[in-house]
Amino acid sequence: MNIIKDIKNENLKRREMKVVVAFEKNPGIAEAIKVISDVAKSSADLIVIKKLKSKFGRNTFLIDSFIYNSVEDRNMIEPKVKVKKAGGAK
């Protein structure tokens, strides 16, 4: 594991972290949150994964994440997820 960037953004009340991690297969968002949680020593509900990418043929992945100070700060800054209605137009 290699930490590329670790910046504290006081204006947005968060910590911005980029980490390169080696995995055998493509990690999901849940595994990426667990890795960032272990590195930053913070709770998983405060972490937002912005980017998870790799290059073809390599087993290293770049995880770009934001670690907020509180759940209220995260909810205020991050966009809301829209829920699709079940009925739909007919």
PDB file of N, CA and C in Angstrom:
ATOM      1  N   MET A   1       0.842  -1.170   0.000  1.00  0.00           N
ATOM      2  CA  MET A   1       0.000   0.000   0.000  1.00  0.00           C
ATOM      3  C   MET A   1       0.890   1.237   0.000  1.00  0.00           C
ATOM      4  N   ASN A   2       0.488   2.210  -0.809  1.00  0.00           N
ATOM      5  CA  ASN A   2       1.263   3.427  -0.958  1.00  0.00           C
ATOM      6  C   ASN A   2       0.305   4.619  -0.895  1.00  0.00           C
ATOM      7  N   ILE A   3       0.510   5.520   0.059  1.00  0.00           N
ATOM      8  CA  ILE A   3      -0.320   6.720   0.167  1.00  0.00           C
ATOM      9  C   ILE A   3       0.277   7.787  -0.737  1.00  0.00           C
ATOM     10  N   ILE A   4      -0.501   8.207  -1.731  1.00  0.00           N
ATOM     11  CA  ILE A   4      -0.036   9.207  -2.690  1.00  0.00           C
ATOM     12  C   ILE A   4      -0.335  10.619  -2.200  1.00  0.00           C
ATOM     13  N   LYS A   5      -1.564  10.821  -1.691  1.00  0.00           N
ATOM     14  CA  LYS A   5      -1.978  12.153  -1.261  1.00  0.00           C
ATOM     15  C   LYS A   5      -2.801  12.027   0.012  1.00  0.00           C
ATOM     16  N   ASP A   6      -2.535  12.888   0.966  1.00  0.00           N
ATOM     17  CA  ASP A   6      -3.307  12.941   2.202  1.00  0.00           C
ATOM     18  C   ASP A   6      -3.377  14.402   2.636  1.00  0.00           C
ATOM     19  N   ILE A   7      -4.496  15.041   2.289  1.00  0.00           N
ATOM     20  CA  ILE A   7      -4.668  16.471   2.534  1.00  0.00           C
ATOM     21  C   ILE A   7      -5.868  16.690   3.440  1.00  0.00           C
ATOM     22  N   LYS A   8      -5.752  17.609   4.363  1.00  0.00           N
ATOM     23  CA  LYS A   8      -6.872  17.980   5.231  1.00  0.00           C
ATOM     24  C   LYS A   8      -7.493  19.258   4.659  1.00  0.00           C
ATOM     25  N   ASN A   9      -8.759  19.170   4.257  1.00  0.00           N
ATOM     26  CA  ASN A   9      -9.488  20.299   3.697  1.00  0.00           C
ATOM     27  C   ASN A   9     -10.403  20.861   4.780  1.00  0.00           C
ATOM     28  N   GLU A  10      -9.978  21.954   5.402  1.00  0.00           N
ATOM     29  CA  GLU A  10     -10.723  22.534   6.513  1.00  0.00           C
ATOM     30  C   GLU A  10     -12.011  23.206   6.057  1.00  0.00           C
ATOM     31  N   ASN A  11     -12.040  23.742   4.842  1.00  0.00           N
ATOM     32  CA  ASN A  11     -13.240  24.422   4.354  1.00  0.00           C
ATOM     33  C   ASN A  11     -14.410  23.461   4.199  1.00  0.00           C
ATOM     34  N   LEU A  12     -14.154  22.269   3.685  1.00  0.00           N
ATOM     35  CA  LEU A  12     -15.213  21.288   3.477  1.00  0.00           C
ATOM     36  C   LEU A  12     -15.293  20.257   4.596  1.00  0.00           C
ATOM     37  N   LYS A  13     -14.475  20.424   5.631  1.00  0.00           N
ATOM     38  CA  LYS A  13     -14.464  19.558   6.815  1.00  0.00           C
ATOM     39  C   LYS A  13     -14.273  18.095   6.432  1.00  0.00           C
ATOM     40  N   ARG A  14     -13.213  17.838   5.662  1.00  0.00           N
ATOM     41  CA  ARG A  14     -12.921  16.471   5.247  1.00  0.00           C
ATOM     42  C   ARG A  14     -11.430  16.296   5.013  1.00  0.00           C
ATOM     43  N   ARG A  15     -11.046  15.047   4.893  1.00  0.00           N
ATOM     44  CA  ARG A  15      -9.681  14.658   4.575  1.00  0.00           C
ATOM     45  C   ARG A  15      -9.714  13.976   3.215  1.00  0.00           C
ATOM     46  N   GLU A  16      -8.852  14.390   2.293  1.00  0.00           N
ATOM     47  CA  GLU A  16      -8.829  13.847   0.941  1.00  0.00           C
ATOM     48  C   GLU A  16      -7.618  12.932   0.821  1.00  0.00           C
ATOM     49  N   MET A  17      -7.863  11.673   0.469  1.00  0.00           N
ATOM     50  CA  MET A  17      -6.800  10.687   0.468  1.00  0.00           C
ATOM     51  C   MET A  17      -6.806   9.874  -0.818  1.00  0.00           C
ATOM     52  N   LYS A  18      -5.605   9.703  -1.409  1.00  0.00           N
ATOM     53  CA  LYS A  18      -5.407   8.817  -2.555  1.00  0.00           C
ATOM     54  C   LYS A  18      -4.424   7.736  -2.142  1.00  0.00           C
ATOM     55  N   VAL A  19      -4.811   6.477  -2.385  1.00  0.00           N
ATOM     56  CA  VAL A  19      -4.010   5.333  -1.971  1.00  0.00           C
ATOM     57  C   VAL A  19      -3.909   4.358  -3.137  1.00  0.00           C
ATOM     58  N   VAL A  20      -2.733   3.776  -3.328  1.00  0.00           N
ATOM     59  CA  VAL A  20      -2.544   2.697  -4.295  1.00  0.00           C
ATOM     60  C   VAL A  20      -2.396   1.401  -3.514  1.00  0.00           C
ATOM     61  N   VAL A  21      -3.280   0.424  -3.843  1.00  0.00           N
ATOM     62  CA  VAL A  21      -3.336  -0.844  -3.116  1.00  0.00           C
ATOM     63  C   VAL A  21      -3.286  -1.988  -4.120  1.00  0.00           C
ATOM     64  N   ALA A  22      -2.638  -3.096  -3.739  1.00  0.00           N
ATOM     65  CA  ALA A  22      -2.580  -4.283  -4.590  1.00  0.00           C
ATOM     66  C   ALA A  22      -3.647  -5.278  -4.155  1.00  0.00           C
ATOM     67  N   PHE A  23      -4.421  -5.765  -5.123  1.00  0.00           N
ATOM     68  CA  PHE A  23      -5.441  -6.789  -4.903  1.00  0.00           C
ATOM     69  C   PHE A  23      -5.272  -7.870  -5.960  1.00  0.00           C
ATOM     70  N   GLU A  24      -5.719  -9.076  -5.667  1.00  0.00           N
ATOM     71  CA  GLU A  24      -5.684 -10.168  -6.649  1.00  0.00           C
ATOM     72  C   GLU A  24      -6.736  -9.965  -7.729  1.00  0.00           C
ATOM     73  N   LYS A  25      -7.924  -9.525  -7.330  1.00  0.00           N
ATOM     74  CA  LYS A  25      -8.994  -9.271  -8.287  1.00  0.00           C
ATOM     75  C   LYS A  25      -9.560  -7.886  -8.023  1.00  0.00           C
ATOM     76  N   ASN A  26     -10.459  -7.458  -8.877  1.00  0.00           N
ATOM     77  CA  ASN A  26     -11.021  -6.122  -8.783  1.00  0.00           C
ATOM     78  C   ASN A  26     -11.794  -5.952  -7.471  1.00  0.00           C
ATOM     79  N   PRO A  27     -11.363  -5.017  -6.606  1.00  0.00           N
ATOM     80  CA  PRO A  27     -12.078  -4.825  -5.340  1.00  0.00           C
ATOM     81  C   PRO A  27     -13.359  -4.031  -5.574  1.00  0.00           C
ATOM     82  N   GLY A  28     -14.344  -4.281  -4.769  1.00  0.00           N
ATOM     83  CA  GLY A  28     -15.573  -3.506  -4.833  1.00  0.00           C
ATOM     84  C   GLY A  28     -15.465  -2.276  -3.956  1.00  0.00           C
ATOM     85  N   ILE A  29     -16.536  -1.513  -3.938  1.00  0.00           N
ATOM     86  CA  ILE A  29     -16.562  -0.301  -3.120  1.00  0.00           C
ATOM     87  C   ILE A  29     -16.459  -0.659  -1.631  1.00  0.00           C
ATOM     88  N   ALA A  30     -17.091  -1.753  -1.225  1.00  0.00           N
ATOM     89  CA  ALA A  30     -17.055  -2.158   0.185  1.00  0.00           C
ATOM     90  C   ALA A  30     -15.630  -2.496   0.625  1.00  0.00           C
ATOM     91  N   GLU A  31     -14.871  -3.189  -0.213  1.00  0.00           N
ATOM     92  CA  GLU A  31     -13.476  -3.511   0.127  1.00  0.00           C
ATOM     93  C   GLU A  31     -12.621  -2.252   0.153  1.00  0.00           C
ATOM     94  N   ALA A  32     -12.882  -1.315  -0.768  1.00  0.00           N
ATOM     95  CA  ALA A  32     -12.132  -0.063  -0.794  1.00  0.00           C
ATOM     96  C   ALA A  32     -12.405   0.760   0.463  1.00  0.00           C
ATOM     97  N   ILE A  33     -13.661   0.787   0.908  1.00  0.00           N
ATOM     98  CA  ILE A  33     -14.003   1.507   2.137  1.00  0.00           C
ATOM     99  C   ILE A  33     -13.297   0.876   3.330  1.00  0.00           C
ATOM    100  N   LYS A  34     -13.221  -0.454   3.354  1.00  0.00           N
ATOM    101  CA  LYS A  34     -12.546  -1.144   4.462  1.00  0.00           C
ATOM    102  C   LYS A  34     -11.052  -0.796   4.499  1.00  0.00           C
ATOM    103  N   VAL A  35     -10.413  -0.744   3.331  1.00  0.00           N
ATOM    104  CA  VAL A  35      -8.988  -0.405   3.258  1.00  0.00           C
ATOM    105  C   VAL A  35      -8.754   1.028   3.743  1.00  0.00           C
ATOM    106  N   ILE A  36      -9.550   1.969   3.262  1.00  0.00           N
ATOM    107  CA  ILE A  36      -9.405   3.372   3.662  1.00  0.00           C
ATOM    108  C   ILE A  36      -9.705   3.533   5.155  1.00  0.00           C
ATOM    109  N   SER A  37     -10.680   2.800   5.645  1.00  0.00           N
ATOM    110  CA  SER A  37     -11.015   2.854   7.065  1.00  0.00           C
ATOM    111  C   SER A  37      -9.846   2.385   7.927  1.00  0.00           C
ATOM    112  N   ASP A  38      -9.159   1.323   7.488  1.00  0.00           N
ATOM    113  CA  ASP A  38      -8.003   0.829   8.227  1.00  0.00           C
ATOM    114  C   ASP A  38      -6.844   1.817   8.183  1.00  0.00           C
ATOM    115  N   VAL A  39      -6.613   2.421   7.024  1.00  0.00           N
ATOM    116  CA  VAL A  39      -5.489   3.351   6.874  1.00  0.00           C
ATOM    117  C   VAL A  39      -5.741   4.643   7.648  1.00  0.00           C
ATOM    118  N   ALA A  40      -6.947   5.204   7.499  1.00  0.00           N
ATOM    119  CA  ALA A  40      -7.260   6.496   8.116  1.00  0.00           C
ATOM    120  C   ALA A  40      -7.723   6.371   9.562  1.00  0.00           C
ATOM    121  N   LYS A  41      -7.986   5.135  10.007  1.00  0.00           N
ATOM    122  CA  LYS A  41      -8.476   4.889  11.360  1.00  0.00           C
ATOM    123  C   LYS A  41      -9.736   5.698  11.644  1.00  0.00           C
ATOM    124  N   SER A  42     -10.731   5.559  10.732  1.00  0.00           N
ATOM    125  CA  SER A  42     -11.998   6.246  10.918  1.00  0.00           C
ATOM    126  C   SER A  42     -13.147   5.293  10.610  1.00  0.00           C
ATOM    127  N   SER A  43     -14.336   5.743  10.901  1.00  0.00           N
ATOM    128  CA  SER A  43     -15.528   4.926  10.715  1.00  0.00           C
ATOM    129  C   SER A  43     -15.885   4.813   9.230  1.00  0.00           C
ATOM    130  N   ALA A  44     -16.477   3.689   8.841  1.00  0.00           N
ATOM    131  CA  ALA A  44     -16.809   3.442   7.431  1.00  0.00           C
ATOM    132  C   ALA A  44     -17.938   4.344   6.943  1.00  0.00           C
ATOM    133  N   ASP A  45     -18.814   4.814   7.824  1.00  0.00           N
ATOM    134  CA  ASP A  45     -19.918   5.658   7.366  1.00  0.00           C
ATOM    135  C   ASP A  45     -19.487   7.096   7.078  1.00  0.00           C
ATOM    136  N   LEU A  46     -18.251   7.453   7.396  1.00  0.00           N
ATOM    137  CA  LEU A  46     -17.721   8.786   7.102  1.00  0.00           C
ATOM    138  C   LEU A  46     -16.951   8.827   5.787  1.00  0.00           C
ATOM    139  N   ILE A  47     -16.769   7.681   5.132  1.00  0.00           N
ATOM    140  CA  ILE A  47     -15.918   7.571   3.948  1.00  0.00           C
ATOM    141  C   ILE A  47     -16.763   7.530   2.683  1.00  0.00           C
ATOM    142  N   VAL A  48     -16.328   8.311   1.681  1.00  0.00           N
ATOM    143  CA  VAL A  48     -16.954   8.305   0.364  1.00  0.00           C
ATOM    144  C   VAL A  48     -15.858   8.001  -0.653  1.00  0.00           C
ATOM    145  N   ILE A  49     -16.056   6.953  -1.459  1.00  0.00           N
ATOM    146  CA  ILE A  49     -15.094   6.590  -2.503  1.00  0.00           C
ATOM    147  C   ILE A  49     -15.474   7.362  -3.760  1.00  0.00           C
ATOM    148  N   LYS A  50     -14.573   8.197  -4.251  1.00  0.00           N
ATOM    149  CA  LYS A  50     -14.827   8.982  -5.444  1.00  0.00           C
ATOM    150  C   LYS A  50     -14.380   8.262  -6.715  1.00  0.00           C
ATOM    151  N   LYS A  51     -13.268   7.540  -6.630  1.00  0.00           N
ATOM    152  CA  LYS A  51     -12.737   6.878  -7.815  1.00  0.00           C
ATOM    153  C   LYS A  51     -12.026   5.600  -7.395  1.00  0.00           C
ATOM    154  N   LEU A  52     -12.230   4.547  -8.182  1.00  0.00           N
ATOM    155  CA  LEU A  52     -11.565   3.272  -7.966  1.00  0.00           C
ATOM    156  C   LEU A  52     -11.177   2.771  -9.341  1.00  0.00           C
ATOM    157  N   LYS A  53      -9.873   2.875  -9.681  1.00  0.00           N
ATOM    158  CA  LYS A  53      -9.497   2.508 -11.035  1.00  0.00           C
ATOM    159  C   LYS A  53      -8.151   1.805 -11.075  1.00  0.00           C
ATOM    160  N   SER A  54      -7.936   1.120 -12.192  1.00  0.00           N
ATOM    161  CA  SER A  54      -6.710   0.381 -12.413  1.00  0.00           C
ATOM    162  C   SER A  54      -6.345   0.475 -13.881  1.00  0.00           C
ATOM    163  N   LYS A  55      -5.157   0.028 -14.204  1.00  0.00           N
ATOM    164  CA  LYS A  55      -4.745  -0.069 -15.597  1.00  0.00           C
ATOM    165  C   LYS A  55      -4.775  -1.530 -16.007  1.00  0.00           C
ATOM    166  N   PHE A  56      -5.004  -1.772 -17.270  1.00  0.00           N
ATOM    167  CA  PHE A  56      -5.165  -3.126 -17.782  1.00  0.00           C
ATOM    168  C   PHE A  56      -3.922  -3.972 -17.494  1.00  0.00           C
ATOM    169  N   GLY A  57      -4.145  -5.171 -16.951  1.00  0.00           N
ATOM    170  CA  GLY A  57      -3.063  -6.111 -16.712  1.00  0.00           C
ATOM    171  C   GLY A  57      -2.309  -5.919 -15.411  1.00  0.00           C
ATOM    172  N   ARG A  58      -2.692  -4.966 -14.617  1.00  0.00           N
ATOM    173  CA  ARG A  58      -2.006  -4.728 -13.345  1.00  0.00           C
ATOM    174  C   ARG A  58      -2.915  -5.109 -12.185  1.00  0.00           C
ATOM    175  N   ASN A  59      -2.313  -5.434 -11.076  1.00  0.00           N
ATOM    176  CA  ASN A  59      -3.104  -5.769  -9.895  1.00  0.00           C
ATOM    177  C   ASN A  59      -3.068  -4.653  -8.852  1.00  0.00           C
ATOM    178  N   THR A  60      -2.683  -3.437  -9.261  1.00  0.00           N
ATOM    179  CA  THR A  60      -2.699  -2.293  -8.354  1.00  0.00           C
ATOM    180  C   THR A  60      -3.880  -1.398  -8.710  1.00  0.00           C
ATOM    181  N   PHE A  61      -4.516  -0.861  -7.683  1.00  0.00           N
ATOM    182  CA  PHE A  61      -5.709  -0.044  -7.857  1.00  0.00           C
ATOM    183  C   PHE A  61      -5.532   1.283  -7.140  1.00  0.00           C
ATOM    184  N   LEU A  62      -5.983   2.356  -7.776  1.00  0.00           N
ATOM    185  CA  LEU A  62      -5.962   3.693  -7.188  1.00  0.00           C
ATOM    186  C   LEU A  62      -7.325   3.945  -6.552  1.00  0.00           C
ATOM    187  N   ILE A  63      -7.312   4.249  -5.267  1.00  0.00           N
ATOM    188  CA  ILE A  63      -8.542   4.562  -4.531  1.00  0.00           C
ATOM    189  C   ILE A  63      -8.484   6.030  -4.148  1.00  0.00           C
ATOM    190  N   ASP A  64      -9.421   6.806  -4.678  1.00  0.00           N
ATOM    191  CA  ASP A  64      -9.530   8.227  -4.372  1.00  0.00           C
ATOM    192  C   ASP A  64     -10.733   8.398  -3.452  1.00  0.00           C
ATOM    193  N   SER A  65     -10.521   8.929  -2.253  1.00  0.00           N
ATOM    194  CA  SER A  65     -11.594   8.956  -1.271  1.00  0.00           C
ATOM    195  C   SER A  65     -11.616  10.252  -0.472  1.00  0.00           C
ATOM    196  N   PHE A  66     -12.787  10.517   0.116  1.00  0.00           N
ATOM    197  CA  PHE A  66     -12.989  11.624   1.040  1.00  0.00           C
ATOM    198  C   PHE A  66     -13.402  11.039   2.380  1.00  0.00           C
ATOM    199  N   ILE A  67     -12.784  11.511   3.456  1.00  0.00           N
ATOM    200  CA  ILE A  67     -13.130  11.084   4.807  1.00  0.00           C
ATOM    201  C   ILE A  67     -13.650  12.322   5.538  1.00  0.00           C
ATOM    202  N   TYR A  68     -14.945  12.333   5.829  1.00  0.00           N
ATOM    203  CA  TYR A  68     -15.570  13.493   6.455  1.00  0.00           C
ATOM    204  C   TYR A  68     -15.420  13.438   7.968  1.00  0.00           C
ATOM    205  N   ASN A  69     -15.529  14.616   8.611  1.00  0.00           N
ATOM    206  CA  ASN A  69     -15.415  14.713  10.059  1.00  0.00           C
ATOM    207  C   ASN A  69     -16.649  14.163  10.766  1.00  0.00           C
ATOM    208  N   SER A  70     -17.820  14.308  10.152  1.00  0.00           N
ATOM    209  CA  SER A  70     -19.052  13.812  10.758  1.00  0.00           C
ATOM    210  C   SER A  70     -20.036  13.416   9.658  1.00  0.00           C
ATOM    211  N   VAL A  71     -21.065  12.690  10.031  1.00  0.00           N
ATOM    212  CA  VAL A  71     -22.092  12.263   9.083  1.00  0.00           C
ATOM    213  C   VAL A  71     -22.874  13.470   8.575  1.00  0.00           C
ATOM    214  N   GLU A  72     -23.092  14.466   9.423  1.00  0.00           N
ATOM    215  CA  GLU A  72     -23.803  15.670   9.013  1.00  0.00           C
ATOM    216  C   GLU A  72     -23.030  16.425   7.933  1.00  0.00           C
ATOM    217  N   ASP A  73     -21.705  16.512   8.072  1.00  0.00           N
ATOM    218  CA  ASP A  73     -20.879  17.165   7.054  1.00  0.00           C
ATOM    219  C   ASP A  73     -20.960  16.411   5.729  1.00  0.00           C
ATOM    220  N   ARG A  74     -20.930  15.079   5.791  1.00  0.00           N
ATOM    221  CA  ARG A  74     -21.018  14.275   4.571  1.00  0.00           C
ATOM    222  C   ARG A  74     -22.362  14.469   3.885  1.00  0.00           C
ATOM    223  N   ASN A  75     -23.447  14.458   4.647  1.00  0.00           N
ATOM    224  CA  ASN A  75     -24.776  14.610   4.063  1.00  0.00           C
ATOM    225  C   ASN A  75     -25.006  16.005   3.493  1.00  0.00           C
ATOM    226  N   MET A  76     -24.358  17.004   4.069  1.00  0.00           N
ATOM    227  CA  MET A  76     -24.524  18.368   3.592  1.00  0.00           C
ATOM    228  C   MET A  76     -23.783  18.597   2.269  1.00  0.00           C
ATOM    229  N   ILE A  77     -22.634  17.959   2.080  1.00  0.00           N
ATOM    230  CA  ILE A  77     -21.794  18.226   0.911  1.00  0.00           C
ATOM    231  C   ILE A  77     -22.038  17.249  -0.232  1.00  0.00           C
ATOM    232  N   GLU A  78     -22.166  15.973   0.056  1.00  0.00           N
ATOM    233  CA  GLU A  78     -22.319  14.961  -0.987  1.00  0.00           C
ATOM    234  C   GLU A  78     -23.721  15.017  -1.590  1.00  0.00           C
ATOM    235  N   PRO A  79     -23.827  14.780  -2.926  1.00  0.00           N
ATOM    236  CA  PRO A  79     -25.151  14.809  -3.559  1.00  0.00           C
ATOM    237  C   PRO A  79     -26.017  13.649  -3.097  1.00  0.00           C
ATOM    238  N   LYS A  80     -27.309  13.880  -3.071  1.00  0.00           N
ATOM    239  CA  LYS A  80     -28.258  12.854  -2.667  1.00  0.00           C
ATOM    240  C   LYS A  80     -28.429  11.841  -3.803  1.00  0.00           C
ATOM    241  N   VAL A  81     -28.620  10.576  -3.453  1.00  0.00           N
ATOM    242  CA  VAL A  81     -28.843   9.526  -4.445  1.00  0.00           C
ATOM    243  C   VAL A  81     -30.328   9.481  -4.751  1.00  0.00           C
ATOM    244  N   LYS A  82     -30.665   9.586  -6.048  1.00  0.00           N
ATOM    245  CA  LYS A  82     -32.064   9.550  -6.446  1.00  0.00           C
ATOM    246  C   LYS A  82     -32.551   8.111  -6.507  1.00  0.00           C
ATOM    247  N   VAL A  83     -33.743   7.880  -5.994  1.00  0.00           N
ATOM    248  CA  VAL A  83     -34.340   6.552  -5.992  1.00  0.00           C
ATOM    249  C   VAL A  83     -35.331   6.479  -7.142  1.00  0.00           C
ATOM    250  N   LYS A  84     -35.185   5.426  -7.951  1.00  0.00           N
ATOM    251  CA  LYS A  84     -36.066   5.255  -9.098  1.00  0.00           C
ATOM    252  C   LYS A  84     -37.402   4.679  -8.629  1.00  0.00           C
ATOM    253  N   LYS A  85     -38.496   5.220  -9.148  1.00  0.00           N
ATOM    254  CA  LYS A  85     -39.808   4.742  -8.760  1.00  0.00           C
ATOM    255  C   LYS A  85     -40.085   3.390  -9.404  1.00  0.00           C
ATOM    256  N   ALA A  86     -40.821   2.545  -8.704  1.00  0.00           N
ATOM    257  CA  ALA A  86     -41.102   1.195  -9.179  1.00  0.00           C
ATOM    258  C   ALA A  86     -42.138   1.182 -10.301  1.00  0.00           C
ATOM    259  N   GLY A  87     -43.124   2.063 -10.268  1.00  0.00           N
ATOM    260  CA  GLY A  87     -44.217   2.060 -11.236  1.00  0.00           C
ATOM    261  C   GLY A  87     -43.777   2.447 -12.635  1.00  0.00           C
ATOM    262  N   GLY A  88     -43.165   3.569 -12.769  1.00  0.00           N
ATOM    263  CA  GLY A  88     -42.710   4.040 -14.072  1.00  0.00           C
ATOM    264  C   GLY A  88     -43.869   4.478 -14.958  1.00  0.00           C
ATOM    265  N   ALA A  89     -43.556   5.053 -16.100  1.00  0.00           N
ATOM    266  CA  ALA A  89     -44.576   5.506 -17.050  1.00  0.00           C
ATOM    267  C   ALA A  89     -45.008   4.362 -17.952  1.00  0.00           C
ATOM    268  N   LYS A  90     -46.314   4.310 -18.240  1.00  0.00           N
ATOM    269  CA  LYS A  90     -46.823   3.233 -19.089  1.00  0.00           C
ATOM    270  C   LYS A  90     -47.460   3.796 -20.333  1.00  0.00           C
TER     271      LYS A  90
END
